[in-house]
Structure formats: structure tokens, C-alpha cells
Amino acid sequence: MTTIKEIKELLATVKDLDNPLFLELEKDSRTGVQKEIIKRKKAIQSELEENLRLENMLSYEKELYKQGVTLIAGVDEVGRGPLAGPVVAAAVILPKNCKIKGLNDSKKIPKKKHLEIYHAVQDQALAIGIGIMDNQIIDQVNIYEATKLAMKEAISQLNPQPEHLLIDAMKLELPISQTSIIKGDANSLSIAAASIVAKVTRDELMKEYDQQYPGYDFTANAGYGTAKHLEGLEKLGVTPIHRTSFEPVKTLVSTKKDK
């Protein structure tokens, strides 16, 4: 008789829910076999749903493929809201019809999966560019303009250069055709790829800053105004990476000047 381990290995090769092997194995009365059947069916269903989700996230790219455009760069940023650190943008060109399992808006990807999906993007992308604008530039030109500069910097690094840009809710003054997509990181795989690259890049930078400026919990909060971060500001004051045009940093700086 075939062992349950052998049946499990056999089921692992099955990719369709209507595979006749299921009907055959359902005749086996062993509880272990029935459990393996249910498990495999669930896994196949999950894979089918994930594939459909990824297909839907390629809708903007597919429209461009129809027009003969294949070098499509997704562009996104991370770090508009924090009180400290830079704004980081990424531009990513994926191969035609590229699907990376688990790729989504970086805010929807579990933290423990970030690096794994980041490496998958690194492995499969045709080109990746990263633009970083520090807090001083943000304070000089405002966060919106600094975001645009970071995006332009990221795009300028791409080789090959893109034929079209898919950008998360932004228009750039560039001589490249582009589509601005609201919630782009949840609606385009190219933008989602840029989102995770920007997120991991910025998180790593904030970890380094946490070593340099301990007491603000930068590793955990990435510069956002959490209770621990605000506590650090109150106790230790403003660091060279804080955005002095953002409240409450702005008030702390002006209060210090007045003293």
C-alpha cells in the first residue's frame, strides 16, 4: 500500500482542483490521506487566488503591452509623514508579465515578509533606481517637492530607461509618458515593486540612524511620531536628521532659540 508520505509527495505535483487523482485518493479511507487531500486542495485554491490577484494588479501594464510598450517603470515613495529621516523613492522595471508571489502594497505585506519579497524583486527586475532626499532638502523645498526630486533621481538611475512611468498618485515634469494611479501600490505590480524597494531601503537607513542617535526608537518607528519617539524628542532634543519644518519639531527648535 502507498504510504501517506508518498501520497503527500504525489499530491504536491497536482496543480488543478479537478485533477482525477483527487477522486482516486478520496476512495482511500485513511484519515491521514483525507487530511492531505484537504490540505492540498486548500493550497491549490490559495495559489489560484494569488495568481488572480497578481493578474488583476497587471491590468495597467497589460494595457501598455497592447500598445507595444514593455519597459514600464513603477515609481513610489516612502517616508512623507515621518518627523525624521529622508524621503526615499524607488523606480522598478519588471520583465513583461512578471508575477512575484506575495507582492503587494508594502503596507499590506507582513513585516517578516518584507526582505524576502524585496530580494525577489531584486532578483527579477530589469532595472532598479533609488532616490533619497534628506531632511534638509525636505525643509528647504517642502515634502511634496522633495518627493518629486527623489522620484526623478530614482528614474534617472534606470538602465535601460523606461518608455512609460506608472506613478503612485503623482505627476512628474519629465519627457516620459506616464500614468498617475491613485493607490497605485495596491493596483499595479510595478508600483508595488517600487513600494517594497523604497520601504526596505528606508527602514535599513532608519536602523542605522537608530545606532547613531539612540533613544528615539527609529528602528521600530522609522521616524514616525510614536509615543517613544516624542518622548525621545522631549528628553534628548532634536537630532541632525529631524525635519525642522514638521511639528512638533518646529516648535521645539523655535523654543530652544528663544531661550
C-alpha atoms as a PDB file:
ATOM      1  CA  MET A   1       0.000   0.000   0.000  1.00  0.00           C
ATOM      2  CA  THR A   2       1.182   3.527  -0.814  1.00  0.00           C
ATOM      3  CA  THR A   3       2.346   5.362   2.307  1.00  0.00           C
ATOM      4  CA  ILE A   4       0.864   8.693   3.368  1.00  0.00           C
ATOM      5  CA  LYS A   5       4.275  10.289   2.847  1.00  0.00           C
ATOM      6  CA  GLU A   6       4.326   9.040  -0.777  1.00  0.00           C
ATOM      7  CA  ILE A   7       0.764  10.294  -1.314  1.00  0.00           C
ATOM      8  CA  LYS A   8       1.769  13.705   0.073  1.00  0.00           C
ATOM      9  CA  GLU A   9       4.666  13.868  -2.420  1.00  0.00           C
ATOM     10  CA  LEU A  10       2.331  12.828  -5.225  1.00  0.00           C
ATOM     11  CA  LEU A  11      -0.248  15.470  -4.286  1.00  0.00           C
ATOM     12  CA  ALA A  12       2.472  18.153  -4.309  1.00  0.00           C
ATOM     13  CA  THR A  13       2.719  17.670  -8.102  1.00  0.00           C
ATOM     14  CA  VAL A  14      -1.022  18.322  -8.602  1.00  0.00           C
ATOM     15  CA  LYS A  15      -1.820  21.862  -9.776  1.00  0.00           C
ATOM     16  CA  ASP A  16      -5.567  21.680 -10.595  1.00  0.00           C
ATOM     17  CA  LEU A  17      -8.571  21.147  -8.350  1.00  0.00           C
ATOM     18  CA  ASP A  18     -10.233  18.899 -10.959  1.00  0.00           C
ATOM     19  CA  ASN A  19      -7.263  16.511 -11.215  1.00  0.00           C
ATOM     20  CA  PRO A  20      -8.577  12.884 -11.332  1.00  0.00           C
ATOM     21  CA  LEU A  21      -6.014  11.914  -8.672  1.00  0.00           C
ATOM     22  CA  PHE A  22      -8.238  13.559  -6.052  1.00  0.00           C
ATOM     23  CA  LEU A  23     -11.191  11.315  -6.965  1.00  0.00           C
ATOM     24  CA  GLU A  24      -8.939   8.281  -6.842  1.00  0.00           C
ATOM     25  CA  LEU A  25      -7.470   9.171  -3.442  1.00  0.00           C
ATOM     26  CA  GLU A  26     -10.837  10.078  -1.930  1.00  0.00           C
ATOM     27  CA  LYS A  27     -11.594   6.317  -2.012  1.00  0.00           C
ATOM     28  CA  ASP A  28      -8.765   5.821   0.488  1.00  0.00           C
ATOM     29  CA  SER A  29     -10.375   5.620   3.945  1.00  0.00           C
ATOM     30  CA  ARG A  30      -7.245   6.572   5.900  1.00  0.00           C
ATOM     31  CA  THR A  31      -7.691   9.799   7.896  1.00  0.00           C
ATOM     32  CA  GLY A  32      -4.132  10.900   7.084  1.00  0.00           C
ATOM     33  CA  VAL A  33      -4.812  10.629   3.344  1.00  0.00           C
ATOM     34  CA  GLN A  34      -8.053  12.633   3.624  1.00  0.00           C
ATOM     35  CA  LYS A  35      -6.220  15.323   5.602  1.00  0.00           C
ATOM     36  CA  GLU A  36      -3.536  15.563   2.895  1.00  0.00           C
ATOM     37  CA  ILE A  37      -6.226  15.889   0.202  1.00  0.00           C
ATOM     38  CA  ILE A  38      -7.925  18.777   2.073  1.00  0.00           C
ATOM     39  CA  LYS A  39      -4.544  20.442   2.699  1.00  0.00           C
ATOM     40  CA  ARG A  40      -3.501  20.214  -0.960  1.00  0.00           C
ATOM     41  CA  LYS A  41      -6.863  21.475  -2.213  1.00  0.00           C
ATOM     42  CA  LYS A  42      -6.612  24.482   0.109  1.00  0.00           C
ATOM     43  CA  ALA A  43      -3.073  25.195  -1.126  1.00  0.00           C
ATOM     44  CA  ILE A  44      -4.164  24.999  -4.785  1.00  0.00           C
ATOM     45  CA  GLN A  45      -7.143  27.285  -4.100  1.00  0.00           C
ATOM     46  CA  SER A  46      -4.825  29.754  -2.382  1.00  0.00           C
ATOM     47  CA  GLU A  47      -2.385  29.660  -5.326  1.00  0.00           C
ATOM     48  CA  LEU A  48      -5.230  30.236  -7.813  1.00  0.00           C
ATOM     49  CA  GLU A  49      -6.500  33.214  -5.818  1.00  0.00           C
ATOM     50  CA  GLU A  50      -2.995  34.673  -5.536  1.00  0.00           C
ATOM     51  CA  ASN A  51      -2.465  34.250  -9.273  1.00  0.00           C
ATOM     52  CA  LEU A  52      -5.768  36.033  -9.975  1.00  0.00           C
ATOM     53  CA  ARG A  53      -4.819  38.872  -7.606  1.00  0.00           C
ATOM     54  CA  LEU A  54      -1.474  39.306  -9.365  1.00  0.00           C
ATOM     55  CA  GLU A  55      -3.200  39.185 -12.780  1.00  0.00           C
ATOM     56  CA  ASN A  56      -5.530  41.987 -11.663  1.00  0.00           C
ATOM     57  CA  MET A  57      -2.549  44.028 -10.488  1.00  0.00           C
ATOM     58  CA  LEU A  58      -1.076  43.773 -14.003  1.00  0.00           C
ATOM     59  CA  SER A  59      -4.062  45.483 -15.670  1.00  0.00           C
ATOM     60  CA  TYR A  60      -2.284  48.833 -16.254  1.00  0.00           C
ATOM     61  CA  GLU A  61       0.833  47.060 -17.519  1.00  0.00           C
ATOM     62  CA  LYS A  62      -1.214  44.866 -19.889  1.00  0.00           C
ATOM     63  CA  GLU A  63      -2.871  47.922 -21.463  1.00  0.00           C
ATOM     64  CA  LEU A  64       0.610  49.255 -22.211  1.00  0.00           C
ATOM     65  CA  TYR A  65       1.818  45.872 -23.534  1.00  0.00           C
ATOM     66  CA  LYS A  66      -1.031  46.042 -26.080  1.00  0.00           C
ATOM     67  CA  GLN A  67       0.441  49.338 -27.312  1.00  0.00           C
ATOM     68  CA  GLY A  68       3.875  47.734 -27.702  1.00  0.00           C
ATOM     69  CA  VAL A  69       5.275  49.338 -24.528  1.00  0.00           C
ATOM     70  CA  THR A  70       7.279  46.872 -22.422  1.00  0.00           C
ATOM     71  CA  LEU A  71       9.814  48.964 -20.480  1.00  0.00           C
ATOM     72  CA  ILE A  72       7.416  50.155 -17.796  1.00  0.00           C
ATOM     73  CA  ALA A  73       8.750  51.653 -14.566  1.00  0.00           C
ATOM     74  CA  GLY A  74       6.673  51.610 -11.407  1.00  0.00           C
ATOM     75  CA  VAL A  75       7.524  54.572  -9.175  1.00  0.00           C
ATOM     76  CA  ASP A  76       6.677  55.009  -5.486  1.00  0.00           C
ATOM     77  CA  GLU A  77       7.946  56.705  -2.337  1.00  0.00           C
ATOM     78  CA  VAL A  78       8.110  56.004   1.368  1.00  0.00           C
ATOM     79  CA  GLY A  79       8.568  58.455   4.210  1.00  0.00           C
ATOM     80  CA  ARG A  80       6.434  61.508   3.543  1.00  0.00           C
ATOM     81  CA  GLY A  81       4.945  61.556   7.046  1.00  0.00           C
ATOM     82  CA  PRO A  82       7.829  60.903   9.494  1.00  0.00           C
ATOM     83  CA  LEU A  83       9.356  63.594  11.703  1.00  0.00           C
ATOM     84  CA  ALA A  84      12.882  62.354  10.984  1.00  0.00           C
ATOM     85  CA  GLY A  85      14.935  60.866   8.178  1.00  0.00           C
ATOM     86  CA  PRO A  86      14.759  61.138   4.403  1.00  0.00           C
ATOM     87  CA  VAL A  87      12.025  60.536   1.867  1.00  0.00           C
ATOM     88  CA  VAL A  88      13.018  57.557  -0.305  1.00  0.00           C
ATOM     89  CA  ALA A  89      11.695  56.829  -3.797  1.00  0.00           C
ATOM     90  CA  ALA A  90      12.249  53.770  -5.956  1.00  0.00           C
ATOM     91  CA  ALA A  91      11.673  53.098  -9.650  1.00  0.00           C
ATOM     92  CA  VAL A  92      11.460  49.488 -10.823  1.00  0.00           C
ATOM     93  CA  ILE A  93      11.168  47.947 -14.293  1.00  0.00           C
ATOM     94  CA  LEU A  94       9.871  44.369 -14.143  1.00  0.00           C
ATOM     95  CA  PRO A  95      10.014  41.935 -17.077  1.00  0.00           C
ATOM     96  CA  LYS A  96       6.835  41.602 -19.169  1.00  0.00           C
ATOM     97  CA  ASN A  97       4.054  39.738 -17.309  1.00  0.00           C
ATOM     98  CA  CYS A  98       6.301  39.242 -14.280  1.00  0.00           C
ATOM     99  CA  LYS A  99       4.415  37.991 -11.228  1.00  0.00           C
ATOM    100  CA  ILE A 100       6.102  37.873  -7.837  1.00  0.00           C
ATOM    101  CA  LYS A 101       4.168  35.866  -5.272  1.00  0.00           C
ATOM    102  CA  GLY A 102       3.151  37.960  -2.281  1.00  0.00           C
ATOM    103  CA  LEU A 103       3.996  41.272  -3.956  1.00  0.00           C
ATOM    104  CA  ASN A 104       1.550  43.949  -2.870  1.00  0.00           C
ATOM    105  CA  ASP A 105       1.398  47.445  -1.449  1.00  0.00           C
ATOM    106  CA  SER A 106       4.263  47.318   1.099  1.00  0.00           C
ATOM    107  CA  LYS A 107       1.839  48.390   3.862  1.00  0.00           C
ATOM    108  CA  LYS A 108      -0.131  45.178   3.252  1.00  0.00           C
ATOM    109  CA  ILE A 109       2.865  42.839   3.307  1.00  0.00           C
ATOM    110  CA  PRO A 110       3.631  41.356   6.749  1.00  0.00           C
ATOM    111  CA  LYS A 111       6.840  42.880   8.129  1.00  0.00           C
ATOM    112  CA  LYS A 112       8.547  39.458   8.324  1.00  0.00           C
ATOM    113  CA  LYS A 113       7.999  39.024   4.553  1.00  0.00           C
ATOM    114  CA  HIS A 114       9.470  42.393   3.522  1.00  0.00           C
ATOM    115  CA  LEU A 115      13.039  41.217   2.944  1.00  0.00           C
ATOM    116  CA  GLU A 116      12.003  38.039   1.144  1.00  0.00           C
ATOM    117  CA  ILE A 117       9.847  39.946  -1.375  1.00  0.00           C
ATOM    118  CA  TYR A 118      12.451  42.732  -1.644  1.00  0.00           C
ATOM    119  CA  HIS A 119      15.051  40.104  -2.667  1.00  0.00           C
ATOM    120  CA  ALA A 120      12.596  38.542  -5.148  1.00  0.00           C
ATOM    121  CA  VAL A 121      12.161  41.979  -6.778  1.00  0.00           C
ATOM    122  CA  GLN A 122      15.954  42.484  -6.815  1.00  0.00           C
ATOM    123  CA  ASP A 123      16.395  39.084  -8.491  1.00  0.00           C
ATOM    124  CA  GLN A 124      13.756  39.575 -11.180  1.00  0.00           C
ATOM    125  CA  ALA A 125      13.744  43.289 -12.011  1.00  0.00           C
ATOM    126  CA  LEU A 126      15.312  44.508 -15.253  1.00  0.00           C
ATOM    127  CA  ALA A 127      16.324  47.764 -13.558  1.00  0.00           C
ATOM    128  CA  ILE A 128      16.039  49.446 -10.155  1.00  0.00           C
ATOM    129  CA  GLY A 129      16.706  53.079  -9.252  1.00  0.00           C
ATOM    130  CA  ILE A 130      16.629  54.679  -5.788  1.00  0.00           C
ATOM    131  CA  GLY A 131      16.318  58.377  -4.942  1.00  0.00           C
ATOM    132  CA  ILE A 132      16.924  59.725  -1.438  1.00  0.00           C
ATOM    133  CA  MET A 133      16.201  63.296  -0.326  1.00  0.00           C
ATOM    134  CA  ASP A 134      17.322  64.067   3.209  1.00  0.00           C
ATOM    135  CA  ASN A 135      15.570  66.128   5.883  1.00  0.00           C
ATOM    136  CA  GLN A 136      17.491  69.270   4.927  1.00  0.00           C
ATOM    137  CA  ILE A 137      16.141  69.181   1.372  1.00  0.00           C
ATOM    138  CA  ILE A 138      12.647  68.408   2.735  1.00  0.00           C
ATOM    139  CA  ASP A 139      12.893  71.500   4.983  1.00  0.00           C
ATOM    140  CA  GLN A 140      14.154  73.645   2.093  1.00  0.00           C
ATOM    141  CA  VAL A 141      11.635  72.767  -0.613  1.00  0.00           C
ATOM    142  CA  ASN A 142       8.734  71.039   1.308  1.00  0.00           C
ATOM    143  CA  ILE A 143       7.895  67.327   1.397  1.00  0.00           C
ATOM    144  CA  TYR A 144       5.854  67.281  -1.823  1.00  0.00           C
ATOM    145  CA  GLU A 145       8.674  68.803  -3.909  1.00  0.00           C
ATOM    146  CA  ALA A 146      11.294  66.642  -2.154  1.00  0.00           C
ATOM    147  CA  THR A 147       9.232  63.551  -3.061  1.00  0.00           C
ATOM    148  CA  LYS A 148       9.248  64.614  -6.724  1.00  0.00           C
ATOM    149  CA  LEU A 149      13.019  65.133  -6.611  1.00  0.00           C
ATOM    150  CA  ALA A 150      13.519  61.678  -5.070  1.00  0.00           C
ATOM    151  CA  MET A 151      11.337  60.093  -7.771  1.00  0.00           C
ATOM    152  CA  LYS A 152      13.200  61.886 -10.565  1.00  0.00           C
ATOM    153  CA  GLU A 153      16.514  60.765  -9.077  1.00  0.00           C
ATOM    154  CA  ALA A 154      15.310  57.148  -8.931  1.00  0.00           C
ATOM    155  CA  ILE A 155      14.126  57.246 -12.571  1.00  0.00           C
ATOM    156  CA  SER A 156      17.401  58.815 -13.767  1.00  0.00           C
ATOM    157  CA  GLN A 157      19.300  55.765 -12.434  1.00  0.00           C
ATOM    158  CA  LEU A 158      17.336  53.260 -14.527  1.00  0.00           C
ATOM    159  CA  ASN A 159      19.206  51.422 -17.250  1.00  0.00           C
ATOM    160  CA  PRO A 160      17.506  50.783 -19.633  1.00  0.00           C
ATOM    161  CA  GLN A 161      15.481  53.976 -19.428  1.00  0.00           C
ATOM    162  CA  PRO A 162      11.713  53.379 -19.248  1.00  0.00           C
ATOM    163  CA  GLU A 163       9.247  54.021 -22.084  1.00  0.00           C
ATOM    164  CA  HIS A 164       6.417  54.713 -19.637  1.00  0.00           C
ATOM    165  CA  LEU A 165       6.024  55.513 -15.944  1.00  0.00           C
ATOM    166  CA  LEU A 166       3.314  54.230 -13.615  1.00  0.00           C
ATOM    167  CA  ILE A 167       3.409  56.542 -10.604  1.00  0.00           C
ATOM    168  CA  ASP A 168       1.603  56.385  -7.293  1.00  0.00           C
ATOM    169  CA  ALA A 169      -0.667  59.477  -7.228  1.00  0.00           C
ATOM    170  CA  MET A 170       1.887  61.882  -8.690  1.00  0.00           C
ATOM    171  CA  LYS A 171       2.731  63.624 -11.973  1.00  0.00           C
ATOM    172  CA  LEU A 172       6.350  64.416 -12.780  1.00  0.00           C
ATOM    173  CA  GLU A 173       7.743  67.062 -15.100  1.00  0.00           C
ATOM    174  CA  LEU A 174       9.660  64.591 -17.263  1.00  0.00           C
ATOM    175  CA  PRO A 175       9.707  63.906 -21.029  1.00  0.00           C
ATOM    176  CA  ILE A 176       8.448  60.333 -20.453  1.00  0.00           C
ATOM    177  CA  SER A 177       4.823  59.320 -20.888  1.00  0.00           C
ATOM    178  CA  GLN A 178       3.255  58.488 -17.546  1.00  0.00           C
ATOM    179  CA  THR A 179       0.114  57.399 -15.748  1.00  0.00           C
ATOM    180  CA  SER A 180      -0.690  58.610 -12.255  1.00  0.00           C
ATOM    181  CA  ILE A 181      -2.611  55.940 -10.331  1.00  0.00           C
ATOM    182  CA  ILE A 182      -4.472  56.580  -7.086  1.00  0.00           C
ATOM    183  CA  LYS A 183      -3.446  53.867  -4.576  1.00  0.00           C
ATOM    184  CA  GLY A 184      -1.029  52.707  -7.255  1.00  0.00           C
ATOM    185  CA  ASP A 185       0.905  50.447  -4.892  1.00  0.00           C
ATOM    186  CA  ALA A 186      -2.264  48.346  -4.454  1.00  0.00           C
ATOM    187  CA  ASN A 187      -3.270  48.462  -8.136  1.00  0.00           C
ATOM    188  CA  SER A 188      -0.065  47.977 -10.118  1.00  0.00           C
ATOM    189  CA  LEU A 189       2.609  45.308  -9.646  1.00  0.00           C
ATOM    190  CA  SER A 190       5.296  47.653 -10.971  1.00  0.00           C
ATOM    191  CA  ILE A 191       4.402  50.301  -8.379  1.00  0.00           C
ATOM    192  CA  ALA A 192       4.114  47.632  -5.653  1.00  0.00           C
ATOM    193  CA  ALA A 193       7.663  46.513  -6.543  1.00  0.00           C
ATOM    194  CA  ALA A 194       8.891  50.116  -6.184  1.00  0.00           C
ATOM    195  CA  SER A 195       6.969  50.414  -2.906  1.00  0.00           C
ATOM    196  CA  ILE A 196       8.730  47.447  -1.264  1.00  0.00           C
ATOM    197  CA  VAL A 197      12.183  48.521  -2.538  1.00  0.00           C
ATOM    198  CA  ALA A 198      11.671  52.046  -1.162  1.00  0.00           C
ATOM    199  CA  LYS A 199      10.291  50.703   2.141  1.00  0.00           C
ATOM    200  CA  VAL A 200      13.128  48.246   2.836  1.00  0.00           C
ATOM    201  CA  THR A 201      15.769  50.795   1.761  1.00  0.00           C
ATOM    202  CA  ARG A 202      14.359  53.434   4.105  1.00  0.00           C
ATOM    203  CA  ASP A 203      13.861  51.009   7.012  1.00  0.00           C
ATOM    204  CA  GLU A 204      17.519  49.963   6.752  1.00  0.00           C
ATOM    205  CA  LEU A 205      18.601  53.620   6.778  1.00  0.00           C
ATOM    206  CA  MET A 206      16.496  54.290   9.876  1.00  0.00           C
ATOM    207  CA  LYS A 207      18.080  51.279  11.617  1.00  0.00           C
ATOM    208  CA  GLU A 208      21.490  52.845  11.001  1.00  0.00           C
ATOM    209  CA  TYR A 209      20.231  56.172  12.350  1.00  0.00           C
ATOM    210  CA  ASP A 210      18.982  54.356  15.452  1.00  0.00           C
ATOM    211  CA  GLN A 211      22.592  53.297  16.149  1.00  0.00           C
ATOM    212  CA  GLN A 212      23.796  56.851  15.535  1.00  0.00           C
ATOM    213  CA  TYR A 213      21.046  58.558  17.532  1.00  0.00           C
ATOM    214  CA  PRO A 214      19.809  56.123  20.220  1.00  0.00           C
ATOM    215  CA  GLY A 215      16.798  56.947  22.360  1.00  0.00           C
ATOM    216  CA  TYR A 216      14.251  57.743  19.617  1.00  0.00           C
ATOM    217  CA  ASP A 217      13.327  54.137  18.718  1.00  0.00           C
ATOM    218  CA  PHE A 218      13.998  54.747  14.990  1.00  0.00           C
ATOM    219  CA  THR A 219      14.284  51.008  14.213  1.00  0.00           C
ATOM    220  CA  ALA A 220      10.708  50.442  15.362  1.00  0.00           C
ATOM    221  CA  ASN A 221       9.062  53.687  14.249  1.00  0.00           C
ATOM    222  CA  ALA A 222      11.102  54.595  11.111  1.00  0.00           C
ATOM    223  CA  GLY A 223      10.966  58.234  12.210  1.00  0.00           C
ATOM    224  CA  TYR A 224       7.185  58.478  12.617  1.00  0.00           C
ATOM    225  CA  GLY A 225       5.866  60.356  15.647  1.00  0.00           C
ATOM    226  CA  THR A 226       5.200  57.471  18.018  1.00  0.00           C
ATOM    227  CA  ALA A 227       4.987  57.919  21.794  1.00  0.00           C
ATOM    228  CA  LYS A 228       8.584  56.658  22.255  1.00  0.00           C
ATOM    229  CA  HIS A 229       9.865  58.975  19.529  1.00  0.00           C
ATOM    230  CA  LEU A 230       8.110  62.016  21.055  1.00  0.00           C
ATOM    231  CA  GLU A 231       9.460  61.004  24.459  1.00  0.00           C
ATOM    232  CA  GLY A 232      12.975  60.903  22.965  1.00  0.00           C
ATOM    233  CA  LEU A 233      12.490  64.359  21.465  1.00  0.00           C
ATOM    234  CA  GLU A 234      11.339  65.729  24.806  1.00  0.00           C
ATOM    235  CA  LYS A 235      14.263  64.202  26.743  1.00  0.00           C
ATOM    236  CA  LEU A 236      17.120  64.366  24.224  1.00  0.00           C
ATOM    237  CA  GLY A 237      16.115  67.161  21.871  1.00  0.00           C
ATOM    238  CA  VAL A 238      16.302  67.426  18.097  1.00  0.00           C
ATOM    239  CA  THR A 239      18.882  65.428  16.082  1.00  0.00           C
ATOM    240  CA  PRO A 240      20.518  66.461  12.782  1.00  0.00           C
ATOM    241  CA  ILE A 241      18.112  64.135  10.922  1.00  0.00           C
ATOM    242  CA  HIS A 242      14.892  65.667  12.267  1.00  0.00           C
ATOM    243  CA  ARG A 243      12.677  67.681   9.920  1.00  0.00           C
ATOM    244  CA  THR A 244      12.550  71.151  11.434  1.00  0.00           C
ATOM    245  CA  SER A 245       9.623  72.181   9.217  1.00  0.00           C
ATOM    246  CA  PHE A 246       7.441  69.450  10.768  1.00  0.00           C
ATOM    247  CA  GLU A 247       5.562  69.817  14.051  1.00  0.00           C
ATOM    248  CA  PRO A 248       6.302  69.270  16.915  1.00  0.00           C
ATOM    249  CA  VAL A 249       9.988  69.501  15.890  1.00  0.00           C
ATOM    250  CA  LYS A 250       9.448  73.032  14.549  1.00  0.00           C
ATOM    251  CA  THR A 251       8.133  74.239  17.912  1.00  0.00           C
ATOM    252  CA  LEU A 252      10.946  72.525  19.836  1.00  0.00           C
ATOM    253  CA  VAL A 253      13.552  74.251  17.632  1.00  0.00           C
ATOM    254  CA  SER A 254      11.951  77.703  17.953  1.00  0.00           C
ATOM    255  CA  THR A 255      11.525  77.277  21.756  1.00  0.00           C
ATOM    256  CA  LYS A 256      15.228  76.393  22.041  1.00  0.00           C
ATOM    257  CA  LYS A 257      16.135  79.507  20.017  1.00  0.00           C
ATOM    258  CA  ASP A 258      14.000  81.711  22.230  1.00  0.00           C
ATOM    259  CA  LYS A 259      15.735  80.538  25.414  1.00  0.00           C
END
